[in-house]
């Protein structure tokens, strides 16, 4: 589900809405999602935030319903600067995010295993330190596929 073509480094965005719009545009241009995807993603984020902290790291894992997806993938954005996302467990708390893992799935049954694999990765100190220090797509690909592509 992870490919080099869907890993982006030093993405410049102003806030989480800008980040989700950027993510949606990148996927739409490559025909992974329908034109309804970005709006659905933004609406879902308002209802059910996707910022996640597994101390000391925070990431965001935005996703939406499969009806907005053409073909599945995971898109990874490493942001130039941290941005705030609302935390998953609490609508009133925010977390500073450096990485966004966009889950783009056509089978809703894959959502829980994908989330679990990403959470498992964030619990591995070496993996996360390597990810935060990664400077190219190959490094990010090699680190993440150890945990995520087994779905």
C-alpha atoms as a PDB file:
ATOM      1  CA  UNK A   1       0.000   0.000   0.000  1.00  0.00           C
ATOM      2  CA  UNK A   2       2.995   2.268   0.426  1.00  0.00           C
ATOM      3  CA  UNK A   3       4.838   3.338  -2.685  1.00  0.00           C
ATOM      4  CA  UNK A   4       7.608   5.808  -3.363  1.00  0.00           C
ATOM      5  CA  UNK A   5       5.247   7.935  -5.462  1.00  0.00           C
ATOM      6  CA  UNK A   6       3.079   8.677  -2.424  1.00  0.00           C
ATOM      7  CA  UNK A   7       5.805   9.843  -0.061  1.00  0.00           C
ATOM      8  CA  UNK A   8       6.297  13.597   0.113  1.00  0.00           C
ATOM      9  CA  UNK A   9       9.015  15.462   2.014  1.00  0.00           C
ATOM     10  CA  UNK A  10       9.142  19.004   3.377  1.00  0.00           C
ATOM     11  CA  UNK A  11       5.505  19.695   2.597  1.00  0.00           C
ATOM     12  CA  UNK A  12       4.661  23.294   3.454  1.00  0.00           C
ATOM     13  CA  UNK A  13       1.196  23.820   4.920  1.00  0.00           C
ATOM     14  CA  UNK A  14      -0.303  26.421   7.251  1.00  0.00           C
ATOM     15  CA  UNK A  15      -2.635  24.270   9.335  1.00  0.00           C
ATOM     16  CA  UNK A  16      -4.405  20.909   9.392  1.00  0.00           C
ATOM     17  CA  UNK A  17      -7.076  22.028   6.911  1.00  0.00           C
ATOM     18  CA  UNK A  18      -4.392  23.096   4.462  1.00  0.00           C
ATOM     19  CA  UNK A  19      -2.614  19.772   5.034  1.00  0.00           C
ATOM     20  CA  UNK A  20      -5.763  17.757   4.330  1.00  0.00           C
ATOM     21  CA  UNK A  21      -6.511  19.787   1.201  1.00  0.00           C
ATOM     22  CA  UNK A  22      -2.947  19.220  -0.018  1.00  0.00           C
ATOM     23  CA  UNK A  23      -3.217  15.500   0.708  1.00  0.00           C
ATOM     24  CA  UNK A  24      -6.532  15.299  -1.165  1.00  0.00           C
ATOM     25  CA  UNK A  25      -5.196  17.220  -4.170  1.00  0.00           C
ATOM     26  CA  UNK A  26      -2.136  14.979  -4.447  1.00  0.00           C
ATOM     27  CA  UNK A  27      -4.312  11.863  -4.384  1.00  0.00           C
ATOM     28  CA  UNK A  28      -6.890  13.279  -6.792  1.00  0.00           C
ATOM     29  CA  UNK A  29      -4.229  14.242  -9.363  1.00  0.00           C
ATOM     30  CA  UNK A  30      -3.000  10.636  -9.335  1.00  0.00           C
ATOM     31  CA  UNK A  31      -6.529   9.220  -9.638  1.00  0.00           C
ATOM     32  CA  UNK A  32      -6.538   7.514  -6.221  1.00  0.00           C
ATOM     33  CA  UNK A  33      -9.655   9.325  -5.013  1.00  0.00           C
ATOM     34  CA  UNK A  34     -12.866  10.857  -6.294  1.00  0.00           C
ATOM     35  CA  UNK A  35     -13.531  14.584  -6.346  1.00  0.00           C
ATOM     36  CA  UNK A  36     -15.613  14.134  -3.161  1.00  0.00           C
ATOM     37  CA  UNK A  37     -12.638  12.883  -1.151  1.00  0.00           C
ATOM     38  CA  UNK A  38     -11.153  16.127   0.171  1.00  0.00           C
ATOM     39  CA  UNK A  39     -14.456  17.512   1.466  1.00  0.00           C
ATOM     40  CA  UNK A  40     -15.282  14.164   3.066  1.00  0.00           C
ATOM     41  CA  UNK A  41     -11.843  14.107   4.686  1.00  0.00           C
ATOM     42  CA  UNK A  42     -12.277  17.613   6.105  1.00  0.00           C
ATOM     43  CA  UNK A  43     -15.773  16.828   7.434  1.00  0.00           C
ATOM     44  CA  UNK A  44     -14.603  13.628   9.074  1.00  0.00           C
ATOM     45  CA  UNK A  45     -11.676  15.405  10.728  1.00  0.00           C
ATOM     46  CA  UNK A  46     -14.075  17.878  12.324  1.00  0.00           C
ATOM     47  CA  UNK A  47     -16.236  15.073  13.727  1.00  0.00           C
ATOM     48  CA  UNK A  48     -13.516  12.600  14.601  1.00  0.00           C
ATOM     49  CA  UNK A  49     -10.000  14.095  14.838  1.00  0.00           C
ATOM     50  CA  UNK A  50      -7.015  11.992  13.821  1.00  0.00           C
ATOM     51  CA  UNK A  51      -4.081  13.422  15.774  1.00  0.00           C
ATOM     52  CA  UNK A  52      -2.382  10.685  17.774  1.00  0.00           C
ATOM     53  CA  UNK A  53       0.330  10.836  20.415  1.00  0.00           C
ATOM     54  CA  UNK A  54       2.343   7.809  21.418  1.00  0.00           C
ATOM     55  CA  UNK A  55       4.826   9.634  23.631  1.00  0.00           C
ATOM     56  CA  UNK A  56       6.994  11.314  22.682  1.00  0.00           C
ATOM     57  CA  UNK A  57       5.783  11.318  19.055  1.00  0.00           C
ATOM     58  CA  UNK A  58       2.638  12.683  17.458  1.00  0.00           C
ATOM     59  CA  UNK A  59       1.282  11.892  14.018  1.00  0.00           C
ATOM     60  CA  UNK A  60      -2.014  12.322  12.204  1.00  0.00           C
ATOM     61  CA  UNK A  61      -3.831   9.477  10.480  1.00  0.00           C
ATOM     62  CA  UNK A  62      -6.612  11.066   8.420  1.00  0.00           C
ATOM     63  CA  UNK A  63      -9.015   8.881   6.494  1.00  0.00           C
ATOM     64  CA  UNK A  64     -12.590   8.808   5.296  1.00  0.00           C
ATOM     65  CA  UNK A  65     -15.155   6.369   3.945  1.00  0.00           C
ATOM     66  CA  UNK A  66     -14.232   4.010   1.091  1.00  0.00           C
ATOM     67  CA  UNK A  67     -16.983   5.436  -1.132  1.00  0.00           C
ATOM     68  CA  UNK A  68     -14.671   8.378  -1.920  1.00  0.00           C
ATOM     69  CA  UNK A  69     -11.752   6.162  -2.967  1.00  0.00           C
ATOM     70  CA  UNK A  70     -10.863   4.774  -6.404  1.00  0.00           C
ATOM     71  CA  UNK A  71      -7.804   2.716  -5.452  1.00  0.00           C
ATOM     72  CA  UNK A  72      -6.165   2.107  -2.071  1.00  0.00           C
ATOM     73  CA  UNK A  73      -2.846   3.448  -0.860  1.00  0.00           C
ATOM     74  CA  UNK A  74      -1.148   5.093   2.062  1.00  0.00           C
ATOM     75  CA  UNK A  75       0.119   8.596   1.444  1.00  0.00           C
ATOM     76  CA  UNK A  76       2.841   9.911   3.712  1.00  0.00           C
ATOM     77  CA  UNK A  77       3.562  13.594   4.187  1.00  0.00           C
ATOM     78  CA  UNK A  78       6.592  14.715   6.168  1.00  0.00           C
ATOM     79  CA  UNK A  79       5.855  18.325   6.954  1.00  0.00           C
ATOM     80  CA  UNK A  80       8.434  21.079   6.802  1.00  0.00           C
ATOM     81  CA  UNK A  81       7.062  22.474  10.060  1.00  0.00           C
ATOM     82  CA  UNK A  82       4.934  20.870  12.744  1.00  0.00           C
ATOM     83  CA  UNK A  83       1.241  21.738  12.648  1.00  0.00           C
ATOM     84  CA  UNK A  84      -1.535  21.246  15.176  1.00  0.00           C
ATOM     85  CA  UNK A  85      -4.147  18.540  14.807  1.00  0.00           C
ATOM     86  CA  UNK A  86      -6.899  17.887  17.287  1.00  0.00           C
ATOM     87  CA  UNK A  87      -6.188  14.763  19.279  1.00  0.00           C
ATOM     88  CA  UNK A  88      -8.109  11.577  18.564  1.00  0.00           C
ATOM     89  CA  UNK A  89      -9.204  10.950  22.130  1.00  0.00           C
ATOM     90  CA  UNK A  90     -10.079  14.536  22.969  1.00  0.00           C
ATOM     91  CA  UNK A  91     -11.639  17.187  20.757  1.00  0.00           C
ATOM     92  CA  UNK A  92     -10.288  19.996  22.923  1.00  0.00           C
ATOM     93  CA  UNK A  93      -6.622  18.962  23.029  1.00  0.00           C
ATOM     94  CA  UNK A  94      -4.162  19.452  20.151  1.00  0.00           C
ATOM     95  CA  UNK A  95      -0.945  17.693  19.215  1.00  0.00           C
ATOM     96  CA  UNK A  96       1.961  18.929  17.085  1.00  0.00           C
ATOM     97  CA  UNK A  97       2.367  16.695  14.063  1.00  0.00           C
ATOM     98  CA  UNK A  98       5.393  16.239  11.797  1.00  0.00           C
ATOM     99  CA  UNK A  99       4.071  13.229   9.837  1.00  0.00           C
ATOM    100  CA  UNK A 100       0.701  12.589   8.261  1.00  0.00           C
ATOM    101  CA  UNK A 101      -0.222   9.046   7.229  1.00  0.00           C
ATOM    102  CA  UNK A 102      -3.275   9.280   4.985  1.00  0.00           C
ATOM    103  CA  UNK A 103      -5.142   5.983   4.864  1.00  0.00           C
ATOM    104  CA  UNK A 104      -6.894   5.550   1.539  1.00  0.00           C
ATOM    105  CA  UNK A 105      -8.817   2.293   1.527  1.00  0.00           C
ATOM    106  CA  UNK A 106     -11.565   0.678  -0.530  1.00  0.00           C
ATOM    107  CA  UNK A 107     -12.260  -2.026   2.052  1.00  0.00           C
ATOM    108  CA  UNK A 108     -13.439  -0.692   5.409  1.00  0.00           C
ATOM    109  CA  UNK A 109     -12.299  -3.912   7.090  1.00  0.00           C
ATOM    110  CA  UNK A 110      -8.681  -2.833   6.539  1.00  0.00           C
ATOM    111  CA  UNK A 111      -9.021   0.342   8.605  1.00  0.00           C
ATOM    112  CA  UNK A 112      -8.396  -1.270  12.010  1.00  0.00           C
ATOM    113  CA  UNK A 113      -5.409  -3.403  10.896  1.00  0.00           C
ATOM    114  CA  UNK A 114      -3.857  -0.353   9.180  1.00  0.00           C
ATOM    115  CA  UNK A 115      -4.331   1.829  12.234  1.00  0.00           C
ATOM    116  CA  UNK A 116      -2.902  -0.919  14.433  1.00  0.00           C
ATOM    117  CA  UNK A 117       0.186  -1.304  12.254  1.00  0.00           C
ATOM    118  CA  UNK A 118       0.859   2.438  12.320  1.00  0.00           C
ATOM    119  CA  UNK A 119       0.380   2.578  16.093  1.00  0.00           C
ATOM    120  CA  UNK A 120       2.741  -0.379  16.419  1.00  0.00           C
ATOM    121  CA  UNK A 121       5.347   1.546  14.425  1.00  0.00           C
ATOM    122  CA  UNK A 122       4.962   4.643  16.611  1.00  0.00           C
ATOM    123  CA  UNK A 123       5.626   2.520  19.675  1.00  0.00           C
ATOM    124  CA  UNK A 124       9.028   1.525  18.307  1.00  0.00           C
ATOM    125  CA  UNK A 125      11.537   4.142  19.432  1.00  0.00           C
ATOM    126  CA  UNK A 126      14.195   3.250  16.864  1.00  0.00           C
ATOM    127  CA  UNK A 127      11.709   3.292  13.988  1.00  0.00           C
ATOM    128  CA  UNK A 128      10.327   6.684  14.969  1.00  0.00           C
ATOM    129  CA  UNK A 129      13.727   8.257  15.536  1.00  0.00           C
ATOM    130  CA  UNK A 130      14.811   6.975  12.121  1.00  0.00           C
ATOM    131  CA  UNK A 131      11.614   8.274  10.559  1.00  0.00           C
ATOM    132  CA  UNK A 132      12.007  11.722  12.080  1.00  0.00           C
ATOM    133  CA  UNK A 133      15.598  11.878  10.833  1.00  0.00           C
ATOM    134  CA  UNK A 134      14.805  10.496   7.366  1.00  0.00           C
ATOM    135  CA  UNK A 135      15.810  12.805   4.531  1.00  0.00           C
ATOM    136  CA  UNK A 136      14.581  10.965   1.453  1.00  0.00           C
ATOM    137  CA  UNK A 137      11.717   8.854   0.191  1.00  0.00           C
ATOM    138  CA  UNK A 138      13.751   5.626   0.212  1.00  0.00           C
ATOM    139  CA  UNK A 139      14.479   5.928   3.931  1.00  0.00           C
ATOM    140  CA  UNK A 140      10.830   6.597   4.750  1.00  0.00           C
ATOM    141  CA  UNK A 141       9.710   3.773   2.485  1.00  0.00           C
ATOM    142  CA  UNK A 142      12.124   1.279   4.062  1.00  0.00           C
ATOM    143  CA  UNK A 143      11.153   2.216   7.617  1.00  0.00           C
ATOM    144  CA  UNK A 144       7.387   2.273   7.113  1.00  0.00           C
ATOM    145  CA  UNK A 145       7.064  -0.862   4.990  1.00  0.00           C
ATOM    146  CA  UNK A 146       8.561  -2.931   7.800  1.00  0.00           C
ATOM    147  CA  UNK A 147       5.387  -2.207   9.745  1.00  0.00           C
ATOM    148  CA  UNK A 148       2.617  -1.267   7.368  1.00  0.00           C
ATOM    149  CA  UNK A 149       2.802  -3.182   4.075  1.00  0.00           C
ATOM    150  CA  UNK A 150       1.965  -6.492   5.747  1.00  0.00           C
ATOM    151  CA  UNK A 151      -1.760  -5.640   5.637  1.00  0.00           C
END
